[in-house]
Amino acid sequence: MVLIIPFSVTHAFAQTSYTDAYLEELEDIEDSKYIASAITIIRNSNGELISLTKTDATRYSPNPILDEFLNANSEYLVKQGKINDQNFSLYNIKVQYDNPKCSVEMFVGNQGSNDECDQYHRAFATMLGVTDNDGVKHVLFRGLNHAQIIKSEYEVTMFWNVITRD
């Protein structure tokens, strides 16, 4: 008598929010004075909704440029208030990116066509970043999301909600 027992091996891999060498050091947001989340809306070239994703920031930049950015534009501030003798502020930041039909820059790790007019990439993280007056790029908030496919001519709009406390 022969007994056959089928089995399989599964490997799972994940991208963490702090492994990218090109990013400045980000810290865990959990014990910080910030709570941040983003809603990302992706539409195709016809304006049809492709995806809607919510991302909670898990990392933030301890760089003072974060507070400078939030306070630099009064349009970002939505509401201020006090709860249990602690001051809170709510900011809303809209970021929009139009992915051109033909791109002069090919994405690193591009999984799409090598044709600069028909490419796509997968986004695994949602980030809010700024460029300072010296041209240095800073990532302010970062959170992981499920993979999003971004193709040529897709429009990406993010709404960041940031709550700060004293």
N, C-alpha and C. Protein backbone atom coordinates (compact mmCIF):
# COMPACT_ATOMS: atom_id res chain seq x y z
N MET A 1 0.84 -1.16 0.00
CA MET A 1 0.00 0.00 0.00
C MET A 1 0.90 1.24 0.00
N VAL A 2 0.58 2.18 -0.89
CA VAL A 2 1.34 3.42 -1.00
C VAL A 2 0.42 4.56 -0.57
N LEU A 3 0.94 5.36 0.33
CA LEU A 3 0.19 6.52 0.82
C LEU A 3 0.82 7.78 0.23
N ILE A 4 0.03 8.54 -0.49
CA ILE A 4 0.53 9.79 -1.09
C ILE A 4 -0.13 10.94 -0.34
N ILE A 5 0.73 11.80 0.20
CA ILE A 5 0.25 12.96 0.94
C ILE A 5 0.74 14.22 0.20
N PRO A 6 -0.17 14.93 -0.41
CA PRO A 6 0.25 16.16 -1.10
C PRO A 6 0.55 17.27 -0.08
N PHE A 7 1.55 18.07 -0.40
CA PHE A 7 1.84 19.22 0.44
C PHE A 7 2.37 20.33 -0.46
N SER A 8 2.29 21.52 0.05
CA SER A 8 2.81 22.66 -0.71
C SER A 8 3.52 23.59 0.25
N VAL A 9 4.40 24.36 -0.32
CA VAL A 9 5.15 25.35 0.46
C VAL A 9 4.79 26.73 -0.09
N THR A 10 4.46 27.62 0.79
CA THR A 10 4.10 28.98 0.39
C THR A 10 5.09 29.95 1.00
N HIS A 11 5.55 30.87 0.20
CA HIS A 11 6.45 31.92 0.68
C HIS A 11 5.73 33.25 0.57
N ALA A 12 5.79 34.04 1.59
CA ALA A 12 5.18 35.36 1.56
C ALA A 12 6.26 36.40 1.79
N PHE A 13 6.19 37.45 1.02
CA PHE A 13 7.15 38.54 1.16
C PHE A 13 6.37 39.83 1.29
N ALA A 14 6.90 40.75 2.07
CA ALA A 14 6.24 42.04 2.25
C ALA A 14 7.27 43.14 2.21
N GLN A 15 6.83 44.29 1.79
CA GLN A 15 7.69 45.46 1.80
C GLN A 15 7.42 46.22 3.08
N THR A 16 8.45 46.54 3.82
CA THR A 16 8.25 47.33 5.03
C THR A 16 8.39 48.80 4.69
N SER A 17 7.92 49.62 5.58
CA SER A 17 7.90 51.05 5.30
C SER A 17 9.21 51.75 5.60
N TYR A 18 10.24 51.02 5.99
CA TYR A 18 11.49 51.70 6.35
C TYR A 18 12.71 51.10 5.67
N THR A 19 12.55 50.36 4.62
CA THR A 19 13.69 49.70 4.01
C THR A 19 14.29 50.45 2.83
N ASP A 20 13.65 51.45 2.32
CA ASP A 20 14.17 52.15 1.16
C ASP A 20 15.36 53.01 1.55
N ALA A 21 16.50 52.71 0.98
CA ALA A 21 17.74 53.40 1.36
C ALA A 21 17.73 54.87 0.97
N TYR A 22 16.94 55.23 -0.05
CA TYR A 22 16.96 56.63 -0.49
C TYR A 22 16.10 57.54 0.37
N LEU A 23 15.37 57.00 1.30
CA LEU A 23 14.52 57.80 2.16
C LEU A 23 15.29 58.22 3.41
N GLU A 24 15.04 59.44 3.86
CA GLU A 24 15.64 59.83 5.12
C GLU A 24 15.02 59.00 6.23
N GLU A 25 15.61 59.00 7.38
CA GLU A 25 15.14 58.16 8.48
C GLU A 25 13.75 58.59 8.93
N LEU A 26 12.83 57.67 8.89
CA LEU A 26 11.47 57.91 9.35
C LEU A 26 11.26 57.16 10.66
N GLU A 27 10.42 57.72 11.51
CA GLU A 27 10.16 57.11 12.81
C GLU A 27 8.74 56.57 12.88
N ASP A 28 8.51 55.67 13.82
CA ASP A 28 7.20 55.10 14.05
C ASP A 28 6.26 56.22 14.50
N ILE A 29 5.10 56.31 13.89
CA ILE A 29 4.17 57.42 14.16
C ILE A 29 3.34 57.19 15.41
N GLU A 30 3.30 55.96 15.91
CA GLU A 30 2.37 55.60 16.97
C GLU A 30 2.45 56.49 18.21
N ASP A 31 3.62 56.82 18.69
CA ASP A 31 3.75 57.63 19.91
C ASP A 31 4.09 59.08 19.62
N SER A 32 3.88 59.50 18.37
CA SER A 32 4.21 60.88 18.00
C SER A 32 3.00 61.78 18.26
N LYS A 33 3.16 63.05 17.94
CA LYS A 33 2.06 63.99 18.07
C LYS A 33 1.18 64.03 16.82
N TYR A 34 1.44 63.12 15.86
CA TYR A 34 0.73 63.12 14.59
C TYR A 34 -0.15 61.88 14.42
N ILE A 35 -1.25 62.08 13.74
CA ILE A 35 -2.06 61.00 13.19
C ILE A 35 -2.29 61.43 11.74
N ALA A 36 -1.97 60.55 10.80
CA ALA A 36 -2.10 60.93 9.39
C ALA A 36 -2.66 59.76 8.59
N SER A 37 -3.52 60.09 7.65
CA SER A 37 -4.06 59.08 6.74
C SER A 37 -4.33 59.75 5.40
N ALA A 38 -4.40 58.91 4.37
CA ALA A 38 -4.63 59.43 3.03
C ALA A 38 -5.68 58.60 2.32
N ILE A 39 -6.47 59.27 1.52
CA ILE A 39 -7.38 58.61 0.59
C ILE A 39 -6.78 58.87 -0.79
N THR A 40 -6.54 57.79 -1.54
CA THR A 40 -5.97 57.90 -2.89
C THR A 40 -7.02 57.48 -3.90
N ILE A 41 -7.26 58.35 -4.87
CA ILE A 41 -8.23 58.10 -5.93
C ILE A 41 -7.45 58.02 -7.24
N ILE A 42 -7.65 56.92 -7.97
CA ILE A 42 -6.99 56.75 -9.26
C ILE A 42 -8.07 56.65 -10.34
N ARG A 43 -7.90 57.49 -11.37
CA ARG A 43 -8.83 57.50 -12.50
C ARG A 43 -8.06 57.29 -13.79
N ASN A 44 -8.69 56.60 -14.75
CA ASN A 44 -8.03 56.37 -16.04
C ASN A 44 -8.15 57.62 -16.91
N SER A 45 -7.66 57.52 -18.14
CA SER A 45 -7.64 58.69 -19.03
C SER A 45 -9.03 59.15 -19.43
N ASN A 46 -10.05 58.30 -19.24
CA ASN A 46 -11.43 58.69 -19.52
C ASN A 46 -12.13 59.26 -18.29
N GLY A 47 -11.43 59.35 -17.18
CA GLY A 47 -12.01 59.87 -15.95
C GLY A 47 -12.75 58.84 -15.14
N GLU A 48 -12.72 57.58 -15.57
CA GLU A 48 -13.41 56.51 -14.84
C GLU A 48 -12.61 56.10 -13.61
N LEU A 49 -13.32 55.84 -12.53
CA LEU A 49 -12.69 55.43 -11.29
C LEU A 49 -12.05 54.05 -11.43
N ILE A 50 -10.76 53.97 -11.11
CA ILE A 50 -10.04 52.71 -11.15
C ILE A 50 -9.89 52.14 -9.74
N SER A 51 -9.51 53.00 -8.79
CA SER A 51 -9.39 52.52 -7.41
C SER A 51 -9.53 53.66 -6.41
N LEU A 52 -9.89 53.27 -5.22
CA LEU A 52 -10.01 54.18 -4.08
C LEU A 52 -9.39 53.45 -2.90
N THR A 53 -8.34 54.01 -2.32
CA THR A 53 -7.60 53.33 -1.27
C THR A 53 -7.39 54.24 -0.09
N LYS A 54 -7.56 53.71 1.11
CA LYS A 54 -7.24 54.45 2.34
C LYS A 54 -5.95 53.89 2.90
N THR A 55 -5.06 54.77 3.28
CA THR A 55 -3.78 54.39 3.85
C THR A 55 -3.57 55.15 5.15
N ASP A 56 -3.21 54.43 6.20
CA ASP A 56 -2.84 55.06 7.46
C ASP A 56 -1.32 55.16 7.51
N ALA A 57 -0.83 56.36 7.80
CA ALA A 57 0.62 56.54 7.90
C ALA A 57 1.14 55.77 9.11
N THR A 58 2.21 55.04 8.91
CA THR A 58 2.84 54.30 10.00
C THR A 58 4.19 54.89 10.36
N ARG A 59 4.73 55.74 9.49
CA ARG A 59 6.02 56.38 9.71
C ARG A 59 5.88 57.87 9.44
N TYR A 60 6.73 58.65 10.09
CA TYR A 60 6.73 60.10 9.87
C TYR A 60 8.15 60.62 10.00
N SER A 61 8.35 61.82 9.51
CA SER A 61 9.66 62.46 9.59
C SER A 61 9.74 63.33 10.85
N PRO A 62 10.76 63.13 11.68
CA PRO A 62 10.93 64.00 12.84
C PRO A 62 11.55 65.35 12.49
N ASN A 63 11.85 65.56 11.22
CA ASN A 63 12.45 66.80 10.74
C ASN A 63 11.49 67.97 10.98
N PRO A 64 12.00 69.11 11.46
CA PRO A 64 11.14 70.29 11.68
C PRO A 64 10.44 70.79 10.42
N ILE A 65 10.89 70.35 9.25
CA ILE A 65 10.24 70.78 8.01
C ILE A 65 8.79 70.32 7.95
N LEU A 66 8.45 69.26 8.68
CA LEU A 66 7.06 68.78 8.71
C LEU A 66 6.13 69.85 9.27
N ASP A 67 6.44 70.38 10.45
CA ASP A 67 5.61 71.44 11.03
C ASP A 67 5.66 72.72 10.21
N GLU A 68 6.83 73.02 9.64
CA GLU A 68 6.96 74.20 8.78
C GLU A 68 6.02 74.08 7.58
N PHE A 69 5.96 72.89 6.99
CA PHE A 69 5.08 72.65 5.84
C PHE A 69 3.62 72.81 6.23
N LEU A 70 3.21 72.19 7.33
CA LEU A 70 1.82 72.26 7.74
C LEU A 70 1.38 73.69 8.04
N ASN A 71 2.27 74.47 8.63
CA ASN A 71 1.91 75.84 9.03
C ASN A 71 2.19 76.88 7.95
N ALA A 72 2.82 76.49 6.84
CA ALA A 72 3.18 77.44 5.80
C ALA A 72 1.98 77.90 4.97
N ASN A 73 0.96 77.06 4.87
CA ASN A 73 -0.19 77.39 4.03
C ASN A 73 -1.45 77.32 4.88
N SER A 74 -2.08 78.46 5.10
CA SER A 74 -3.27 78.51 5.96
C SER A 74 -4.44 77.73 5.36
N GLU A 75 -4.41 77.46 4.06
CA GLU A 75 -5.49 76.69 3.43
C GLU A 75 -5.50 75.24 3.90
N TYR A 76 -4.36 74.74 4.37
CA TYR A 76 -4.29 73.35 4.86
C TYR A 76 -5.01 73.18 6.19
N LEU A 77 -5.02 74.21 7.02
CA LEU A 77 -5.63 74.13 8.35
C LEU A 77 -7.15 74.16 8.21
N VAL A 78 -7.80 73.10 8.69
CA VAL A 78 -9.25 72.99 8.60
C VAL A 78 -9.90 73.39 9.91
N LYS A 79 -9.33 72.94 11.03
CA LYS A 79 -9.97 73.19 12.32
C LYS A 79 -8.94 73.08 13.44
N GLN A 80 -9.14 73.89 14.48
CA GLN A 80 -8.35 73.80 15.70
C GLN A 80 -9.31 73.68 16.87
N GLY A 81 -8.87 73.00 17.90
CA GLY A 81 -9.72 72.84 19.07
C GLY A 81 -8.93 72.33 20.26
N LYS A 82 -9.65 72.19 21.35
CA LYS A 82 -9.02 71.75 22.59
C LYS A 82 -9.85 70.60 23.17
N ILE A 83 -9.17 69.53 23.54
CA ILE A 83 -9.81 68.38 24.19
C ILE A 83 -8.97 68.05 25.42
N ASN A 84 -9.63 68.06 26.59
CA ASN A 84 -8.92 67.75 27.85
C ASN A 84 -7.63 68.56 28.00
N ASP A 85 -7.73 69.86 27.81
CA ASP A 85 -6.59 70.78 27.95
C ASP A 85 -5.45 70.50 26.98
N GLN A 86 -5.72 69.82 25.90
CA GLN A 86 -4.70 69.58 24.88
C GLN A 86 -5.18 70.17 23.56
N ASN A 87 -4.31 70.93 22.90
CA ASN A 87 -4.65 71.58 21.64
C ASN A 87 -4.47 70.62 20.47
N PHE A 88 -5.46 70.60 19.58
CA PHE A 88 -5.43 69.77 18.38
C PHE A 88 -5.63 70.65 17.16
N SER A 89 -5.02 70.23 16.04
CA SER A 89 -5.22 70.90 14.75
C SER A 89 -5.45 69.83 13.70
N LEU A 90 -6.39 70.10 12.79
CA LEU A 90 -6.68 69.21 11.68
C LEU A 90 -6.28 69.90 10.39
N TYR A 91 -5.46 69.21 9.60
CA TYR A 91 -5.01 69.72 8.31
C TYR A 91 -5.51 68.80 7.21
N ASN A 92 -5.82 69.38 6.06
CA ASN A 92 -6.20 68.60 4.89
C ASN A 92 -5.36 69.08 3.72
N ILE A 93 -4.61 68.16 3.12
CA ILE A 93 -3.72 68.49 2.02
C ILE A 93 -4.12 67.67 0.80
N LYS A 94 -4.37 68.36 -0.31
CA LYS A 94 -4.71 67.67 -1.56
C LYS A 94 -3.47 67.67 -2.45
N VAL A 95 -3.14 66.48 -2.95
CA VAL A 95 -2.00 66.33 -3.85
C VAL A 95 -2.51 65.65 -5.12
N GLN A 96 -2.18 66.22 -6.26
CA GLN A 96 -2.63 65.64 -7.52
C GLN A 96 -1.45 65.41 -8.44
N TYR A 97 -1.46 64.26 -9.11
CA TYR A 97 -0.41 63.92 -10.06
C TYR A 97 -1.04 63.36 -11.32
N ASP A 98 -0.71 63.97 -12.45
CA ASP A 98 -1.16 63.47 -13.74
C ASP A 98 -0.01 62.71 -14.37
N ASN A 99 -0.20 61.43 -14.61
CA ASN A 99 0.81 60.59 -15.22
C ASN A 99 0.77 60.81 -16.73
N PRO A 100 1.81 61.40 -17.32
CA PRO A 100 1.76 61.74 -18.75
C PRO A 100 1.70 60.50 -19.65
N LYS A 101 1.23 60.70 -20.86
CA LYS A 101 1.15 59.60 -21.83
C LYS A 101 2.55 59.05 -22.11
N CYS A 102 3.48 59.93 -22.36
CA CYS A 102 4.86 59.52 -22.65
C CYS A 102 5.77 60.12 -21.60
N SER A 103 6.48 59.28 -20.91
CA SER A 103 7.33 59.73 -19.82
C SER A 103 8.80 59.66 -20.24
N VAL A 104 9.54 60.70 -19.90
CA VAL A 104 10.97 60.69 -20.21
C VAL A 104 11.74 59.89 -19.16
N GLU A 105 11.11 59.63 -18.02
CA GLU A 105 11.76 58.88 -16.94
C GLU A 105 11.07 57.53 -16.78
N MET A 106 11.84 56.47 -16.97
CA MET A 106 11.30 55.13 -16.76
C MET A 106 11.36 54.83 -15.27
N PHE A 107 10.33 54.20 -14.74
CA PHE A 107 10.28 53.88 -13.33
C PHE A 107 11.23 52.73 -13.02
N VAL A 108 11.92 52.83 -11.88
CA VAL A 108 12.79 51.74 -11.43
C VAL A 108 11.90 50.55 -11.11
N GLY A 109 12.28 49.39 -11.62
CA GLY A 109 11.48 48.20 -11.35
C GLY A 109 10.20 48.18 -12.15
N ASN A 110 10.14 48.97 -13.21
CA ASN A 110 8.94 49.04 -14.04
C ASN A 110 8.57 47.64 -14.51
N GLN A 111 7.34 47.25 -14.28
CA GLN A 111 6.87 45.94 -14.70
C GLN A 111 6.09 46.02 -15.99
N GLY A 112 5.93 47.20 -16.52
CA GLY A 112 5.17 47.38 -17.74
C GLY A 112 6.07 47.32 -18.95
N SER A 113 5.59 47.83 -20.02
CA SER A 113 6.31 47.84 -21.28
C SER A 113 7.53 48.73 -21.17
N ASN A 114 8.54 48.47 -21.99
CA ASN A 114 9.70 49.34 -22.06
C ASN A 114 9.45 50.55 -22.93
N ASP A 115 8.28 50.63 -23.50
CA ASP A 115 7.87 51.78 -24.31
C ASP A 115 7.52 52.93 -23.36
N GLU A 116 8.21 54.06 -23.50
CA GLU A 116 7.97 55.18 -22.59
C GLU A 116 6.57 55.77 -22.71
N CYS A 117 5.80 55.38 -23.74
CA CYS A 117 4.43 55.86 -23.90
C CYS A 117 3.39 54.82 -23.48
N ASP A 118 3.83 53.69 -22.97
CA ASP A 118 2.90 52.65 -22.53
C ASP A 118 3.53 51.88 -21.38
N GLN A 119 3.64 52.52 -20.25
CA GLN A 119 4.25 51.85 -19.11
C GLN A 119 3.34 51.90 -17.90
N TYR A 120 3.62 51.06 -16.93
CA TYR A 120 2.89 51.08 -15.68
C TYR A 120 3.82 50.64 -14.57
N HIS A 121 3.45 50.97 -13.37
CA HIS A 121 4.20 50.52 -12.21
C HIS A 121 3.23 50.25 -11.07
N ARG A 122 3.70 49.55 -10.08
CA ARG A 122 2.89 49.22 -8.91
C ARG A 122 3.34 50.08 -7.74
N ALA A 123 2.39 50.70 -7.09
CA ALA A 123 2.70 51.52 -5.91
C ALA A 123 2.33 50.71 -4.67
N PHE A 124 3.30 50.49 -3.78
CA PHE A 124 3.08 49.74 -2.55
C PHE A 124 2.99 50.64 -1.33
N ALA A 125 3.40 51.88 -1.48
CA ALA A 125 3.40 52.81 -0.35
C ALA A 125 2.80 54.13 -0.80
N THR A 126 2.14 54.79 0.12
CA THR A 126 1.62 56.12 -0.11
C THR A 126 2.44 57.07 0.75
N MET A 127 2.97 58.10 0.13
CA MET A 127 3.84 59.03 0.84
C MET A 127 3.41 60.46 0.58
N LEU A 128 3.65 61.31 1.56
CA LEU A 128 3.51 62.75 1.39
C LEU A 128 4.90 63.31 1.53
N GLY A 129 5.36 64.00 0.51
CA GLY A 129 6.71 64.54 0.54
C GLY A 129 6.73 65.98 0.07
N VAL A 130 7.81 66.66 0.42
CA VAL A 130 8.01 68.04 0.00
C VAL A 130 9.46 68.21 -0.44
N THR A 131 9.69 69.25 -1.19
CA THR A 131 11.04 69.62 -1.58
C THR A 131 11.34 70.97 -0.95
N ASP A 132 12.45 71.07 -0.23
CA ASP A 132 12.77 72.32 0.45
C ASP A 132 13.39 73.32 -0.52
N ASN A 133 13.73 74.50 -0.02
CA ASN A 133 14.27 75.57 -0.86
C ASN A 133 15.61 75.22 -1.49
N ASP A 134 16.32 74.25 -0.92
CA ASP A 134 17.61 73.83 -1.46
C ASP A 134 17.47 72.68 -2.46
N GLY A 135 16.23 72.27 -2.74
CA GLY A 135 15.99 71.19 -3.69
C GLY A 135 16.08 69.79 -3.09
N VAL A 136 16.18 69.71 -1.76
CA VAL A 136 16.26 68.41 -1.08
C VAL A 136 14.85 67.89 -0.85
N LYS A 137 14.62 66.63 -1.23
CA LYS A 137 13.30 66.01 -1.05
C LYS A 137 13.20 65.39 0.33
N HIS A 138 12.05 65.60 0.98
CA HIS A 138 11.79 65.06 2.32
C HIS A 138 10.47 64.29 2.29
N VAL A 139 10.47 63.07 2.82
CA VAL A 139 9.23 62.32 2.99
C VAL A 139 8.70 62.67 4.36
N LEU A 140 7.47 63.17 4.43
CA LEU A 140 6.88 63.59 5.70
C LEU A 140 6.11 62.45 6.36
N PHE A 141 5.30 61.75 5.57
CA PHE A 141 4.51 60.62 6.07
C PHE A 141 4.59 59.49 5.06
N ARG A 142 4.49 58.26 5.57
CA ARG A 142 4.53 57.09 4.70
C ARG A 142 3.69 55.98 5.32
N GLY A 143 2.90 55.34 4.49
CA GLY A 143 2.10 54.19 4.92
C GLY A 143 1.99 53.18 3.81
N LEU A 144 1.87 51.94 4.17
CA LEU A 144 1.74 50.88 3.17
C LEU A 144 0.30 50.75 2.73
N ASN A 145 0.12 50.34 1.50
CA ASN A 145 -1.21 50.05 0.98
C ASN A 145 -1.14 48.78 0.16
N HIS A 146 -2.26 48.30 -0.28
CA HIS A 146 -2.25 47.19 -1.21
C HIS A 146 -1.79 47.75 -2.55
N ALA A 147 -1.19 46.94 -3.34
CA ALA A 147 -0.60 47.40 -4.60
C ALA A 147 -1.64 48.12 -5.47
N GLN A 148 -1.22 49.24 -6.00
CA GLN A 148 -2.04 50.00 -6.93
C GLN A 148 -1.30 50.03 -8.26
N ILE A 149 -1.99 49.82 -9.35
CA ILE A 149 -1.38 49.87 -10.66
C ILE A 149 -1.58 51.27 -11.23
N ILE A 150 -0.49 51.91 -11.61
CA ILE A 150 -0.53 53.25 -12.18
C ILE A 150 -0.06 53.14 -13.63
N LYS A 151 -0.92 53.48 -14.57
CA LYS A 151 -0.59 53.40 -15.99
C LYS A 151 -0.45 54.80 -16.57
N SER A 152 0.09 54.85 -17.79
CA SER A 152 0.19 56.12 -18.51
C SER A 152 -1.19 56.76 -18.58
N GLU A 153 -1.22 58.05 -18.40
CA GLU A 153 -2.41 58.90 -18.45
C GLU A 153 -3.37 58.71 -17.28
N TYR A 154 -3.00 57.98 -16.26
CA TYR A 154 -3.84 57.88 -15.07
C TYR A 154 -3.66 59.13 -14.23
N GLU A 155 -4.73 59.55 -13.59
CA GLU A 155 -4.71 60.69 -12.69
C GLU A 155 -4.78 60.16 -11.26
N VAL A 156 -3.84 60.60 -10.44
CA VAL A 156 -3.78 60.17 -9.04
C VAL A 156 -4.02 61.39 -8.16
N THR A 157 -5.04 61.30 -7.29
CA THR A 157 -5.35 62.38 -6.36
C THR A 157 -5.33 61.82 -4.95
N MET A 158 -4.58 62.47 -4.07
CA MET A 158 -4.51 62.05 -2.67
C MET A 158 -5.02 63.17 -1.77
N PHE A 159 -5.80 62.78 -0.80
CA PHE A 159 -6.27 63.70 0.23
C PHE A 159 -5.68 63.24 1.54
N TRP A 160 -4.73 64.00 2.07
CA TRP A 160 -4.09 63.68 3.35
C TRP A 160 -4.81 64.42 4.46
N ASN A 161 -5.19 63.70 5.50
CA ASN A 161 -5.72 64.30 6.73
C ASN A 161 -4.68 64.09 7.82
N VAL A 162 -4.25 65.19 8.41
CA VAL A 162 -3.22 65.15 9.43
C VAL A 162 -3.76 65.82 10.68
N ILE A 163 -3.68 65.13 11.79
CA ILE A 163 -4.07 65.69 13.09
C ILE A 163 -2.81 65.82 13.92
N THR A 164 -2.62 67.01 14.50
CA THR A 164 -1.49 67.23 15.40
C THR A 164 -2.01 67.60 16.77
N ARG A 165 -1.21 67.30 17.77
CA ARG A 165 -1.54 67.70 19.14
C ARG A 165 -0.29 68.27 19.77
N ASP A 166 -0.51 69.15 20.73
CA ASP A 166 0.63 69.76 21.43
C ASP A 166 1.24 68.78 22.40
